[in-house]
Amino acid sequence: MRRFDDRTVVITGGNRGIGLAIARRFSAQGANIVLASIEEQVHDAAETLGGGALAVVCDVTDRDDVVALYEQAEDRFGRVDISIQNAGIITIARVEDLTEDEWDATLAVNTKGVFLCCQEAIRRMRRHDRGGRLINTASGQARDGFIYTPHYAASKFGVVGLTQSLAKEVAPDGITVNAICPGIIETDMWAYNDKVWGSMLGDYGPGELMAEWVQKIPMKRAGTGDDVAGLVAFLASEDAAYITGQTVNVDGGLIMS
């Protein structure tokens, strides 16, 4: 029997990058997969997984969309056992240029979206009375905010607080709630970070700033989606049944706190 046979996993932001790597890990270990994204390409991503993975176009900032996501997951697979709140956005701007719209959108996706998904997943997990696992994607910036991204840092610090609060509330129901803090990971988001931060912090060519930052990582390499997926799979497993309310770095030792 594989580790997640007969378990259903909902993954937001699941159509690429870290989210898709997580989906591949759970699919390989027998789980029923529900991929959610605001982008239509989520259907293509689900097809690459095979095994009847369900794709749902969902705006995590819209409560009706979120309710529909979990309804479709239950309609297809019977229940939701694991919910991974991974959808996120980032923009980079000097504080005087940062707009209210950028602030609001970032907090809406990165913090409110995590709350709405956790809320709906908890409601359904309690109804089925089988416990469950909630895993929220924070960031290294939930440990150490960085220049030109106060809105992003605030949104990810919020994820950590939300995780701790929910963990205490739902522990009696057998539901664990944990967060992860990825560091520098080889994704489209980090390609954007390298380009924009590089243009603002100096005359960096493509990939040069990221290469400079990677040298500050004790392991001397950027992380991969698989590195993150391994941690998520552990936190979702029975081996982590007594771990809740925690925020775990996955960054090669970059931030040791």
Protein backbone atom coordinates (compact mmCIF):
# COMPACT_ATOMS: atom_id res chain seq x y z
CA MET A 1 0.00 0.00 0.00
CA ARG A 2 1.32 3.43 -0.93
CA ARG A 3 1.62 6.22 1.64
CA PHE A 4 -1.46 8.20 0.53
CA ASP A 5 -3.70 5.57 -1.04
CA ASP A 6 -7.37 6.60 -0.75
CA ARG A 7 -6.43 10.07 0.53
CA THR A 8 -7.68 13.16 -1.29
CA VAL A 9 -5.39 16.17 -1.53
CA VAL A 10 -6.43 19.69 -2.58
CA ILE A 11 -3.56 21.88 -3.77
CA THR A 12 -4.07 25.55 -4.61
CA GLY A 13 -1.60 27.17 -6.96
CA GLY A 14 -1.14 23.64 -8.20
CA ASN A 15 -0.61 24.21 -11.90
CA ARG A 16 3.16 24.90 -11.83
CA GLY A 17 6.26 25.39 -9.71
CA ILE A 18 6.11 24.21 -6.11
CA GLY A 19 2.41 23.34 -6.33
CA LEU A 20 2.84 21.01 -9.28
CA ALA A 21 5.89 19.37 -7.70
CA ILE A 22 3.80 18.69 -4.58
CA ALA A 23 1.01 17.27 -6.73
CA ARG A 24 3.43 14.91 -8.49
CA ARG A 25 4.77 13.66 -5.15
CA PHE A 26 1.30 12.90 -3.78
CA SER A 27 0.13 11.37 -7.05
CA ALA A 28 3.11 9.01 -7.10
CA GLN A 29 2.20 7.95 -3.56
CA GLY A 30 -1.38 7.06 -4.42
CA ALA A 31 -3.41 10.16 -3.53
CA ASN A 32 -6.44 11.51 -5.33
CA ILE A 33 -5.35 14.92 -6.60
CA VAL A 34 -7.39 18.12 -6.87
CA LEU A 35 -5.45 20.93 -8.53
CA ALA A 36 -6.76 24.47 -8.19
CA SER A 37 -5.56 27.65 -9.85
CA ILE A 38 -6.95 30.88 -11.19
CA GLU A 39 -5.24 30.00 -14.50
CA GLU A 40 -6.91 27.83 -17.13
CA GLN A 41 -3.67 25.89 -17.64
CA VAL A 42 -4.51 23.99 -14.46
CA HIS A 43 -6.39 21.57 -16.73
CA ASP A 44 -3.20 20.82 -18.68
CA ALA A 45 -1.28 20.35 -15.44
CA ALA A 46 -3.84 17.85 -14.16
CA GLU A 47 -3.61 15.86 -17.38
CA THR A 48 0.13 15.41 -16.86
CA LEU A 49 -0.57 13.65 -13.58
CA GLY A 50 -2.94 11.06 -15.01
CA GLY A 51 -4.99 8.92 -12.65
CA GLY A 52 -8.10 11.06 -12.91
CA ALA A 53 -6.72 14.17 -11.25
CA LEU A 54 -9.36 16.86 -10.96
CA ALA A 55 -8.64 20.42 -12.13
CA VAL A 56 -10.66 23.36 -10.81
CA VAL A 57 -10.33 26.99 -11.86
CA CYS A 58 -10.60 28.85 -8.57
CA ASP A 59 -9.96 32.35 -7.28
CA VAL A 60 -8.90 31.75 -3.67
CA THR A 61 -9.94 35.29 -2.71
CA ASP A 62 -13.56 34.53 -3.64
CA ARG A 63 -15.44 32.57 -1.00
CA ASP A 64 -17.96 31.17 -3.50
CA ASP A 65 -15.11 29.85 -5.65
CA VAL A 66 -13.47 28.26 -2.61
CA VAL A 67 -16.69 26.56 -1.50
CA ALA A 68 -17.17 25.25 -5.04
CA LEU A 69 -13.61 23.90 -5.06
CA TYR A 70 -14.17 21.73 -1.99
CA GLU A 71 -17.63 20.71 -3.16
CA GLN A 72 -16.16 19.45 -6.43
CA ALA A 73 -13.41 17.62 -4.55
CA GLU A 74 -15.98 15.85 -2.36
CA ASP A 75 -18.29 15.12 -5.27
CA ARG A 76 -15.44 13.41 -7.14
CA PHE A 77 -13.59 11.68 -4.32
CA GLY A 78 -15.94 11.58 -1.31
CA ARG A 79 -13.95 13.71 1.14
CA VAL A 80 -10.89 15.92 1.56
CA ASP A 81 -8.12 14.59 3.80
CA ILE A 82 -5.28 17.02 3.08
CA SER A 83 -5.47 20.64 1.98
CA ILE A 84 -2.38 22.52 0.84
CA GLN A 85 -2.75 26.29 0.62
CA ASN A 86 -0.02 27.17 -1.88
CA ALA A 87 -1.46 29.88 -4.15
CA GLY A 88 0.56 33.08 -3.90
CA ILE A 89 1.63 36.23 -5.71
CA ILE A 90 4.43 38.76 -5.37
CA THR A 91 5.25 42.20 -6.72
CA ILE A 92 8.35 44.26 -6.00
CA ALA A 93 8.37 48.03 -5.63
CA ARG A 94 9.96 50.84 -3.64
CA VAL A 95 7.73 51.83 -0.75
CA GLU A 96 6.80 55.17 -2.26
CA ASP A 97 5.76 53.43 -5.48
CA LEU A 98 3.85 50.56 -3.90
CA THR A 99 0.16 50.99 -4.66
CA GLU A 100 -2.84 50.21 -2.51
CA ASP A 101 -4.03 47.84 -5.20
CA GLU A 102 -0.76 45.88 -5.00
CA TRP A 103 -0.99 45.78 -1.21
CA ASP A 104 -4.62 44.65 -1.23
CA ALA A 105 -4.15 42.03 -3.94
CA THR A 106 -1.12 40.49 -2.25
CA LEU A 107 -2.79 40.24 1.17
CA ALA A 108 -5.97 38.94 -0.47
CA VAL A 109 -4.29 36.04 -2.25
CA ASN A 110 -1.51 35.20 0.18
CA THR A 111 -3.34 35.58 3.49
CA LYS A 112 -7.09 35.81 2.98
CA GLY A 113 -6.94 33.03 0.38
CA VAL A 114 -5.16 30.75 2.85
CA PHE A 115 -7.79 31.54 5.50
CA LEU A 116 -10.76 30.89 3.20
CA CYS A 117 -9.35 27.54 2.07
CA CYS A 118 -8.49 26.48 5.62
CA GLN A 119 -11.93 27.53 6.80
CA GLU A 120 -13.73 25.48 4.19
CA ALA A 121 -11.41 22.47 4.55
CA ILE A 122 -11.87 22.47 8.34
CA ARG A 123 -15.65 22.66 8.00
CA ARG A 124 -15.65 19.56 5.80
CA MET A 125 -13.00 17.64 7.77
CA ARG A 126 -15.02 18.13 10.95
CA ARG A 127 -18.14 16.91 9.17
CA HIS A 128 -16.41 13.69 8.06
CA ASP A 129 -14.81 13.27 11.51
CA ARG A 130 -11.63 11.63 10.23
CA GLY A 131 -9.13 14.33 11.14
CA GLY A 132 -7.00 15.91 8.44
CA ARG A 133 -3.92 17.86 7.47
CA LEU A 134 -3.66 21.54 6.54
CA ILE A 135 -0.34 22.82 5.18
CA ASN A 136 0.12 26.51 4.38
CA THR A 137 2.85 27.96 2.19
CA ALA A 138 4.51 30.90 3.91
CA SER A 139 8.01 32.05 2.84
CA GLY A 140 11.47 32.87 4.07
CA GLN A 141 10.01 36.36 4.22
CA ALA A 142 7.76 35.16 7.04
CA ARG A 143 11.01 34.95 9.03
CA ASP A 144 12.95 37.91 7.63
CA GLY A 145 11.21 40.58 5.55
CA PHE A 146 13.22 41.84 2.59
CA ILE A 147 13.65 45.15 0.82
CA TYR A 148 10.96 46.37 -1.63
CA THR A 149 8.39 43.74 -0.57
CA PRO A 150 6.73 44.91 2.68
CA HIS A 151 3.32 43.77 1.43
CA TYR A 152 4.59 40.29 0.59
CA ALA A 153 6.40 39.95 3.92
CA ALA A 154 3.30 41.10 5.80
CA SER A 155 1.15 38.58 3.94
CA LYS A 156 3.47 35.70 4.78
CA PHE A 157 3.93 36.68 8.44
CA GLY A 158 0.13 36.58 8.50
CA VAL A 159 0.16 32.99 7.28
CA VAL A 160 2.34 31.97 10.22
CA GLY A 161 0.01 33.61 12.75
CA LEU A 162 -3.03 32.10 11.08
CA THR A 163 -1.40 28.67 11.16
CA GLN A 164 -0.63 28.87 14.87
CA SER A 165 -4.11 30.07 15.80
CA LEU A 166 -5.97 27.47 13.74
CA ALA A 167 -3.73 24.67 14.99
CA LYS A 168 -4.82 25.32 18.57
CA GLU A 169 -8.49 25.46 17.64
CA VAL A 170 -8.72 22.28 15.59
CA ALA A 171 -6.26 20.03 17.43
CA PRO A 172 -9.10 18.32 19.36
CA ASP A 173 -10.59 17.34 15.99
CA GLY A 174 -7.45 15.46 14.95
CA ILE A 175 -6.60 18.12 12.37
CA THR A 176 -3.03 19.38 12.21
CA VAL A 177 -2.11 22.77 10.76
CA ASN A 178 1.47 23.57 9.78
CA ALA A 179 3.26 26.05 7.54
CA ILE A 180 6.34 25.82 5.36
CA CYS A 181 8.84 28.55 4.52
CA PRO A 182 10.52 27.89 1.18
CA GLY A 183 13.71 29.85 0.53
CA ILE A 184 15.26 30.39 -2.89
CA ILE A 185 13.54 27.81 -5.09
CA GLU A 186 13.93 27.31 -8.83
CA THR A 187 10.50 28.53 -9.98
CA ASP A 188 8.94 31.12 -12.29
CA MET A 189 8.43 33.36 -9.25
CA TRP A 190 12.12 33.32 -8.47
CA ALA A 191 12.96 34.10 -12.10
CA TYR A 192 10.77 37.19 -11.71
CA ASN A 193 12.43 38.05 -8.41
CA ASP A 194 15.88 37.78 -9.95
CA LYS A 195 14.92 40.04 -12.83
CA VAL A 196 13.15 42.79 -10.88
CA TRP A 197 15.27 42.84 -7.74
CA GLY A 198 18.35 42.64 -9.97
CA SER A 199 17.32 45.77 -11.87
CA MET A 200 16.58 47.64 -8.62
CA LEU A 201 19.61 46.57 -6.58
CA GLY A 202 22.25 47.01 -9.27
CA ASP A 203 23.26 46.30 -12.83
CA TYR A 204 22.64 42.55 -12.70
CA GLY A 205 22.19 40.40 -15.77
CA PRO A 206 19.71 37.50 -15.90
CA GLY A 207 20.47 34.98 -13.18
CA GLU A 208 23.34 36.96 -11.64
CA LEU A 209 21.58 38.19 -8.53
CA MET A 210 20.09 34.78 -7.78
CA ALA A 211 23.54 33.21 -8.22
CA GLU A 212 24.97 35.73 -5.74
CA TRP A 213 22.26 34.94 -3.21
CA VAL A 214 22.68 31.20 -3.67
CA GLN A 215 26.27 31.56 -2.52
CA LYS A 216 24.92 32.71 0.86
CA ILE A 217 23.06 29.40 1.28
CA PRO A 218 25.11 26.95 3.35
CA MET A 219 24.26 24.15 0.91
CA LYS A 220 25.36 26.36 -2.03
CA ARG A 221 22.41 25.59 -4.25
CA ALA A 222 18.89 26.78 -4.88
CA GLY A 223 16.09 24.49 -3.80
CA THR A 224 13.80 22.57 -6.10
CA GLY A 225 10.11 21.88 -6.07
CA ASP A 226 10.95 18.32 -5.04
CA ASP A 227 12.80 19.58 -1.97
CA VAL A 228 9.63 21.33 -0.85
CA ALA A 229 7.37 18.45 -1.83
CA GLY A 230 9.29 16.08 0.43
CA LEU A 231 8.63 18.26 3.47
CA VAL A 232 4.95 18.67 2.60
CA ALA A 233 4.49 14.93 2.15
CA PHE A 234 6.03 14.32 5.57
CA LEU A 235 3.79 16.89 7.28
CA ALA A 236 0.76 15.31 5.60
CA SER A 237 1.70 11.80 6.69
CA GLU A 238 0.94 9.78 9.80
CA ASP A 239 4.58 10.24 10.82
CA ALA A 240 3.70 13.90 11.55
CA ALA A 241 0.52 13.17 13.51
CA TYR A 242 1.91 14.86 16.65
CA ILE A 243 3.26 17.95 14.85
CA THR A 244 1.01 20.99 14.63
CA GLY A 245 1.23 24.77 14.76
CA GLN A 246 4.77 24.66 13.40
CA THR A 247 6.48 26.66 10.66
CA VAL A 248 9.32 24.78 9.00
CA ASN A 249 12.02 26.29 6.80
CA VAL A 250 13.06 24.52 3.61
CA ASP A 251 15.92 26.69 2.41
CA GLY A 252 19.23 24.86 2.62
CA GLY A 253 20.06 26.52 5.94
CA LEU A 254 19.70 30.11 4.74
CA ILE A 255 17.59 31.22 7.72
CA MET A 256 18.21 29.31 10.94
CA SER A 257 15.36 30.51 13.10
